[in-house]
N, C-alpha and C. Protein backbone atom coordinates (compact mmCIF):
# COMPACT_ATOMS: atom_id res chain seq x y z
N GLY A 1 0.52 -1.49 -0.35
CA GLY A 1 -0.28 0.05 0.03
C GLY A 1 1.13 1.24 -0.10
N THR A 2 0.28 2.60 -0.02
CA THR A 2 0.70 3.93 -0.70
C THR A 2 1.31 4.25 1.62
N GLY A 3 0.42 3.61 1.88
CA GLY A 3 0.80 4.09 3.48
C GLY A 3 -0.37 5.23 3.73
N SER A 4 0.26 5.77 5.19
CA SER A 4 -1.05 6.66 5.79
C SER A 4 -0.98 8.23 4.69
N TYR A 5 -1.92 9.31 4.25
CA TYR A 5 -1.84 10.09 3.85
C TYR A 5 -2.50 11.17 4.92
N PRO A 6 -2.30 12.29 4.82
CA PRO A 6 -0.36 12.68 4.14
C PRO A 6 0.55 12.14 4.76
N PRO A 7 1.67 12.09 3.73
CA PRO A 7 2.90 11.57 4.84
C PRO A 7 3.39 12.52 5.37
N ILE A 8 3.98 12.22 6.68
CA ILE A 8 4.17 13.09 7.77
C ILE A 8 5.97 12.91 8.15
N ASN A 9 6.59 13.80 8.23
CA ASN A 9 7.61 14.01 9.14
C ASN A 9 7.30 14.66 10.29
N LEU A 10 7.92 13.98 11.70
CA LEU A 10 7.39 14.43 13.08
C LEU A 10 8.86 14.66 13.75
N PHE A 11 9.88 15.50 14.19
CA PHE A 11 10.60 15.39 15.07
C PHE A 11 11.14 16.62 15.73
N GLN A 12 11.90 16.51 16.98
CA GLN A 12 12.16 17.45 18.14
C GLN A 12 13.15 18.30 17.74
N GLN A 13 13.16 19.33 17.93
CA GLN A 13 13.82 20.15 17.27
C GLN A 13 14.14 21.67 19.00
N GLY A 14 15.25 20.78 19.56
CA GLY A 14 15.01 21.43 21.17
C GLY A 14 13.97 21.05 21.99
N ASP A 15 13.70 21.89 22.53
CA ASP A 15 12.27 21.57 23.77
C ASP A 15 10.61 20.91 22.76
N ASN A 16 10.77 21.95 21.45
CA ASN A 16 9.92 21.58 20.44
C ASN A 16 9.63 20.40 19.41
N PHE A 17 8.68 20.35 18.82
CA PHE A 17 7.91 19.80 17.81
C PHE A 17 8.08 20.11 16.47
N VAL A 18 8.58 20.11 15.58
CA VAL A 18 8.07 20.18 14.30
C VAL A 18 7.25 18.60 13.28
N ALA A 19 6.32 19.91 12.90
CA ALA A 19 5.32 18.38 11.55
C ALA A 19 5.47 18.83 10.18
N ILE A 20 5.69 17.96 9.47
CA ILE A 20 6.32 18.06 7.90
C ILE A 20 4.89 17.58 7.43
N LEU A 21 4.15 17.98 6.66
CA LEU A 21 3.12 17.53 5.94
C LEU A 21 3.31 17.50 4.09
N GLU A 22 3.25 16.41 4.05
CA GLU A 22 3.08 16.64 2.12
C GLU A 22 1.18 17.04 1.44
N LEU A 23 1.53 17.54 1.34
CA LEU A 23 -0.40 18.34 0.43
C LEU A 23 -0.17 18.72 -0.65
N PRO A 24 0.42 18.38 -1.74
CA PRO A 24 0.58 18.93 -3.41
C PRO A 24 -1.09 18.84 -3.85
N GLY A 25 -1.19 19.89 -4.59
CA GLY A 25 -2.60 20.10 -4.95
C GLY A 25 -3.61 20.57 -4.24
N VAL A 26 -3.30 20.57 -3.44
CA VAL A 26 -4.33 20.73 -1.46
C VAL A 26 -4.37 22.58 -1.23
N SER A 27 -5.77 23.05 -1.73
CA SER A 27 -5.79 24.39 -0.80
C SER A 27 -6.10 24.59 0.20
N ARG A 28 -5.60 25.49 0.64
CA ARG A 28 -5.20 26.17 2.25
C ARG A 28 -7.02 25.80 2.44
N ASP A 29 -8.18 25.74 1.76
CA ASP A 29 -9.95 26.43 2.16
C ASP A 29 -10.03 25.10 2.70
N GLU A 30 -8.95 24.21 1.61
CA GLU A 30 -9.62 22.83 2.07
C GLU A 30 -8.70 22.07 3.18
N LEU A 31 -8.40 22.18 3.44
CA LEU A 31 -7.75 21.87 5.21
C LEU A 31 -8.39 22.51 6.95
N ASN A 32 -8.51 21.54 7.56
CA ASN A 32 -8.72 21.56 8.79
C ASN A 32 -7.94 20.57 9.74
N ILE A 33 -7.87 21.82 10.65
CA ILE A 33 -6.58 21.55 11.71
C ILE A 33 -6.48 21.31 13.11
N GLN A 34 -6.95 20.57 13.80
CA GLN A 34 -7.23 20.76 15.15
C GLN A 34 -6.48 19.73 16.01
N ALA A 35 -6.12 20.25 17.42
CA ALA A 35 -5.24 20.52 18.52
C ALA A 35 -6.27 19.91 19.51
N LYS A 36 -5.74 18.81 20.01
CA LYS A 36 -6.52 18.31 21.89
C LYS A 36 -5.24 17.84 22.40
N ASP A 37 -5.42 17.90 23.41
CA ASP A 37 -4.32 16.78 24.44
C ASP A 37 -3.01 16.59 23.94
N ASN A 38 -2.92 15.70 23.60
CA ASN A 38 -1.30 15.42 22.49
C ASN A 38 -1.75 14.85 21.20
N THR A 39 -2.67 15.35 20.64
CA THR A 39 -3.08 13.99 19.15
C THR A 39 -3.26 16.17 18.47
N ILE A 40 -3.20 16.05 17.17
CA ILE A 40 -3.06 16.67 16.12
C ILE A 40 -3.71 15.79 14.99
N ARG A 41 -5.21 16.68 14.45
CA ARG A 41 -5.93 16.24 13.39
C ARG A 41 -5.56 17.01 12.26
N ILE A 42 -5.21 16.82 10.90
CA ILE A 42 -5.27 17.06 9.75
C ILE A 42 -6.36 16.06 9.13
N ALA A 43 -7.20 17.33 8.39
CA ALA A 43 -7.89 16.60 7.49
C ALA A 43 -8.32 17.85 6.34
N GLY A 44 -8.91 16.99 5.24
CA GLY A 44 -9.42 18.09 4.09
C GLY A 44 -9.73 17.42 2.41
N ARG A 45 -9.59 17.75 1.80
CA ARG A 45 -10.07 17.23 0.45
C ARG A 45 -8.56 17.79 -0.54
N LYS A 46 -8.52 16.53 -1.27
CA LYS A 46 -7.84 16.95 -2.69
C LYS A 46 -8.54 16.37 -3.81
N ARG A 47 -8.37 17.52 -4.39
CA ARG A 47 -9.28 17.63 -6.23
C ARG A 47 -8.38 17.05 -7.12
N VAL A 48 -8.99 16.71 -7.62
CA VAL A 48 -8.08 16.05 -9.10
C VAL A 48 -9.24 16.53 -10.20
N ASP A 49 -9.02 17.80 -11.46
CA ASP A 49 -10.29 18.04 -11.97
C ASP A 49 -9.65 17.41 -12.97
N TYR A 50 -10.64 17.22 -13.91
CA TYR A 50 -10.16 16.70 -15.49
C TYR A 50 -11.55 17.78 -16.41
N PRO A 51 -11.36 17.95 -17.87
CA PRO A 51 -11.73 18.52 -18.60
C PRO A 51 -12.86 17.47 -19.10
N GLU A 52 -14.22 18.45 -18.92
CA GLU A 52 -15.33 17.37 -19.17
C GLU A 52 -15.25 16.93 -20.38
N GLN A 53 -14.91 16.59 -21.05
CA GLN A 53 -15.11 15.84 -22.48
C GLN A 53 -14.06 14.61 -22.25
N ALA A 54 -13.04 14.68 -21.15
CA ALA A 54 -11.45 13.91 -21.55
C ALA A 54 -12.03 12.76 -20.77
N SER A 55 -11.06 11.40 -21.36
CA SER A 55 -11.30 10.69 -21.05
C SER A 55 -9.85 10.01 -20.41
N ALA A 56 -9.90 9.11 -19.70
CA ALA A 56 -8.51 9.13 -18.65
C ALA A 56 -8.08 7.65 -18.79
N HIS A 57 -6.71 7.75 -19.12
CA HIS A 57 -6.12 6.63 -19.93
C HIS A 57 -5.18 5.89 -18.61
N ARG A 58 -4.90 6.98 -17.49
CA ARG A 58 -4.26 6.70 -16.30
C ARG A 58 -4.39 8.05 -15.39
N ARG A 59 -4.46 6.52 -14.06
CA ARG A 59 -5.10 7.56 -13.03
C ARG A 59 -4.12 6.89 -11.88
N GLU A 60 -2.92 7.52 -11.30
CA GLU A 60 -2.15 7.73 -10.84
C GLU A 60 -2.10 8.52 -9.30
N ARG A 61 -2.94 9.80 -9.23
CA ARG A 61 -2.70 10.96 -8.31
C ARG A 61 -3.63 10.50 -7.47
N LEU A 62 -3.37 10.81 -6.04
CA LEU A 62 -4.23 10.29 -5.34
C LEU A 62 -5.39 11.71 -4.97
N TRP A 63 -6.56 11.45 -4.26
CA TRP A 63 -7.58 12.22 -4.68
C TRP A 63 -8.53 11.94 -3.56
N GLY A 64 -9.68 12.94 -3.53
CA GLY A 64 -10.37 12.74 -2.46
C GLY A 64 -10.43 13.38 -0.73
N GLU A 65 -10.89 12.63 -0.04
CA GLU A 65 -11.29 13.21 1.26
C GLU A 65 -10.07 12.36 2.13
N PHE A 66 -9.14 13.30 3.13
CA PHE A 66 -8.23 12.47 4.10
C PHE A 66 -8.77 13.25 5.33
N ASP A 67 -8.44 12.16 6.33
CA ASP A 67 -8.70 12.44 7.72
C ASP A 67 -7.31 11.79 8.47
N ARG A 68 -6.42 12.56 8.85
CA ARG A 68 -5.02 11.64 9.50
C ARG A 68 -5.10 12.40 11.04
N THR A 69 -4.93 11.61 12.02
CA THR A 69 -4.89 12.17 13.47
C THR A 69 -3.21 11.13 14.08
N VAL A 70 -2.43 12.32 14.74
CA VAL A 70 -1.28 12.10 14.67
C VAL A 70 -0.80 12.67 16.17
N ALA A 71 -0.41 11.42 17.10
CA ALA A 71 -0.48 11.37 18.37
C ALA A 71 1.29 12.02 18.72
N ILE A 72 1.45 13.39 19.61
CA ILE A 72 2.76 13.95 19.70
C ILE A 72 3.03 13.40 21.18
N PRO A 73 4.36 13.00 21.12
CA PRO A 73 4.65 12.67 22.64
C PRO A 73 5.08 13.37 23.89
N MET A 74 4.24 14.46 24.08
CA MET A 74 3.82 15.08 25.07
C MET A 74 2.59 16.27 25.28
N GLN A 75 2.07 16.46 25.74
CA GLN A 75 0.64 16.97 26.27
C GLN A 75 1.08 18.66 25.04
N ILE A 76 0.22 19.42 24.57
CA ILE A 76 0.33 20.25 23.69
C ILE A 76 -0.36 21.29 23.89
N ASP A 77 -0.40 22.36 23.71
CA ASP A 77 -1.04 23.63 23.75
C ASP A 77 -1.64 24.08 23.00
N PRO A 78 -2.83 23.96 22.62
CA PRO A 78 -3.43 23.92 20.89
C PRO A 78 -3.36 25.33 20.83
N ASP A 79 -3.10 26.22 21.32
CA ASP A 79 -3.67 27.59 21.35
C ASP A 79 -1.96 28.11 20.90
N LYS A 80 -0.84 27.86 20.93
CA LYS A 80 0.46 27.88 20.84
C LYS A 80 0.91 27.41 19.77
N ILE A 81 0.44 26.52 18.75
CA ILE A 81 0.79 25.91 17.53
C ILE A 81 0.60 26.77 16.36
N GLU A 82 1.60 27.01 15.71
CA GLU A 82 1.62 27.75 14.58
C GLU A 82 1.68 27.03 13.40
N ALA A 83 1.02 27.58 12.15
CA ALA A 83 0.97 26.64 10.85
C ALA A 83 1.51 27.48 10.02
N GLU A 84 2.26 26.80 8.91
CA GLU A 84 2.47 27.44 7.73
C GLU A 84 2.57 26.71 6.32
N TYR A 85 2.01 27.13 5.35
CA TYR A 85 1.51 26.15 4.44
C TYR A 85 1.76 27.25 2.62
N ASN A 86 3.24 26.68 2.28
CA ASN A 86 3.38 27.04 1.29
C ASN A 86 3.94 25.92 -0.12
N ASP A 87 3.74 26.00 -1.21
CA ASP A 87 3.93 25.32 -2.27
C ASP A 87 4.05 23.60 -2.03
N GLY A 88 2.64 23.38 -1.06
CA GLY A 88 2.17 22.55 -0.86
C GLY A 88 2.76 21.42 0.41
N LEU A 89 3.57 22.26 1.11
CA LEU A 89 3.58 21.81 2.34
C LEU A 89 2.79 22.59 3.69
N LEU A 90 2.71 21.88 4.37
CA LEU A 90 2.56 22.33 5.63
C LEU A 90 3.21 22.70 6.72
N ILE A 91 3.47 22.95 7.17
CA ILE A 91 4.56 23.18 8.69
C ILE A 91 3.67 23.34 9.36
N LEU A 92 3.57 22.90 10.99
CA LEU A 92 3.40 22.90 12.03
C LEU A 92 4.66 22.99 13.08
N PHE A 93 4.44 24.03 13.87
CA PHE A 93 5.22 24.36 14.85
C PHE A 93 4.71 24.19 16.56
N ILE A 94 4.98 23.10 16.63
CA ILE A 94 4.80 22.78 18.46
C ILE A 94 5.26 22.42 19.34
N PRO A 95 5.35 23.94 20.33
CA PRO A 95 5.83 24.92 21.31
C PRO A 95 5.63 23.58 22.19
N ARG A 96 6.79 22.92 22.77
CA ARG A 96 6.50 22.61 24.37
C ARG A 96 5.59 23.39 25.36
N PRO A 97 4.22 22.74 26.69
CA PRO A 97 4.23 23.71 27.14
C PRO A 97 4.99 24.42 28.41
N GLU A 98 5.22 25.24 28.75
CA GLU A 98 5.46 25.66 30.26
C GLU A 98 6.41 24.53 31.16
N ARG A 99 4.83 24.45 31.47
CA ARG A 99 4.34 24.00 32.55
C ARG A 99 4.57 22.21 32.28
N ASP A 100 5.33 22.06 31.08
CA ASP A 100 5.80 20.23 30.92
C ASP A 100 7.33 20.30 30.59
N LYS A 101 8.16 21.63 30.76
CA LYS A 101 9.19 21.46 30.38
C LYS A 101 9.99 21.32 32.04
N PRO A 102 11.44 20.70 32.06
CA PRO A 102 11.65 20.34 33.05
C PRO A 102 12.02 21.47 33.83
N ARG A 103 12.28 21.98 35.33
CA ARG A 103 12.42 23.02 35.98
C ARG A 103 13.78 22.55 36.80
N THR A 104 14.74 23.11 37.10
CA THR A 104 15.83 22.87 38.26
C THR A 104 15.33 22.92 39.56
N VAL A 105 15.48 22.27 39.99
CA VAL A 105 15.12 22.39 41.83
C VAL A 105 16.56 23.31 42.17
N GLN A 106 15.80 24.08 43.19
CA GLN A 106 16.51 24.60 43.94
C GLN A 106 17.37 23.87 45.24
N ILE A 107 18.52 23.50 45.96
CA ILE A 107 18.71 22.72 47.41
C ILE A 107 19.10 23.76 47.69
N ARG A 108 18.43 24.25 48.97
CA ARG A 108 18.84 24.93 50.15
C ARG A 108 19.25 24.31 51.10
């Protein structure tokens, strides 16, 4: 099979996480991103339009609705997530909440 769609790379950068999703041909108006607890849900629709009288001889491009939920290995603050969408790449910047960061304990 082709695996889950859209393909995603998720990596940690310092205390934060970054997710990069490949969504060529998807309009930003067709995307819906939701975040809760430690999951991020990306849903949308990819359209492949053909001229009205066209006869398709080969269809290899994926099209239709997609809905993918990804677990992040930490609690997230949905209000702090930032998203950028350029040239078919969706980049999510997922900061680690301050309350989740390790703290140094001073000894008295």
